[in-house]
């Protein structure tokens, strides 16, 4: 989605609302990951909820603010995507198999550090693959806190990967506001993570 919005901005679309749309898409991505965790491994949710929700809220606020900005360019272009394309599904399955195998091996060999590295690398390209691979390790006695850290690492890496695509494909007036939103979300998430727990 970020790549499509960046190309839209590069081809003459209004960059600020498009950056806002990319920020809102990032918010949806974070919330989707939280929903997946609640469905598959609810026990992991407590270790990621505060940081993830703070980041999602920051993306939402930044996105809403950017969506109200208008540079006066009324040109709009539609972004169409076929949700039933077979290629992305096959790629997802392949990535999931590779990352799941690598995560299990590295977690067994190097402990939490190996899992964090794998999650961050995979999350750069596909946060869903990374998160699902980390969650399945709960069944292999990997601590819930470690899996939660792997999920947050995947989210952070995915945000960096998303921003890199924006810089590569979009104009500066698109990616600078998106970079600001990403930095705000990262700061909010990290700050929330450092808050002392109850009791």
Foldseek 3Di string as FASTA:
>chain_A
DLLLLQQQQAVPDFQQLSLLVVLLVLLVVLVVLLVVCCVQPVVLNVLQVQLSVQLSVLSNVLSVVSNPDGPPRPDGDDDDDDPPDPVVVVVLVVLLVVLLVQLVVQCVVPNLVSLLVSLLVSLLPPLVSSLVSLSVCVVVVRDSNSSSNSSVSSSLSVLVSSLVSSVVRHDPSNSVSSVVSSVSSNVRSVVSSPDDDDD
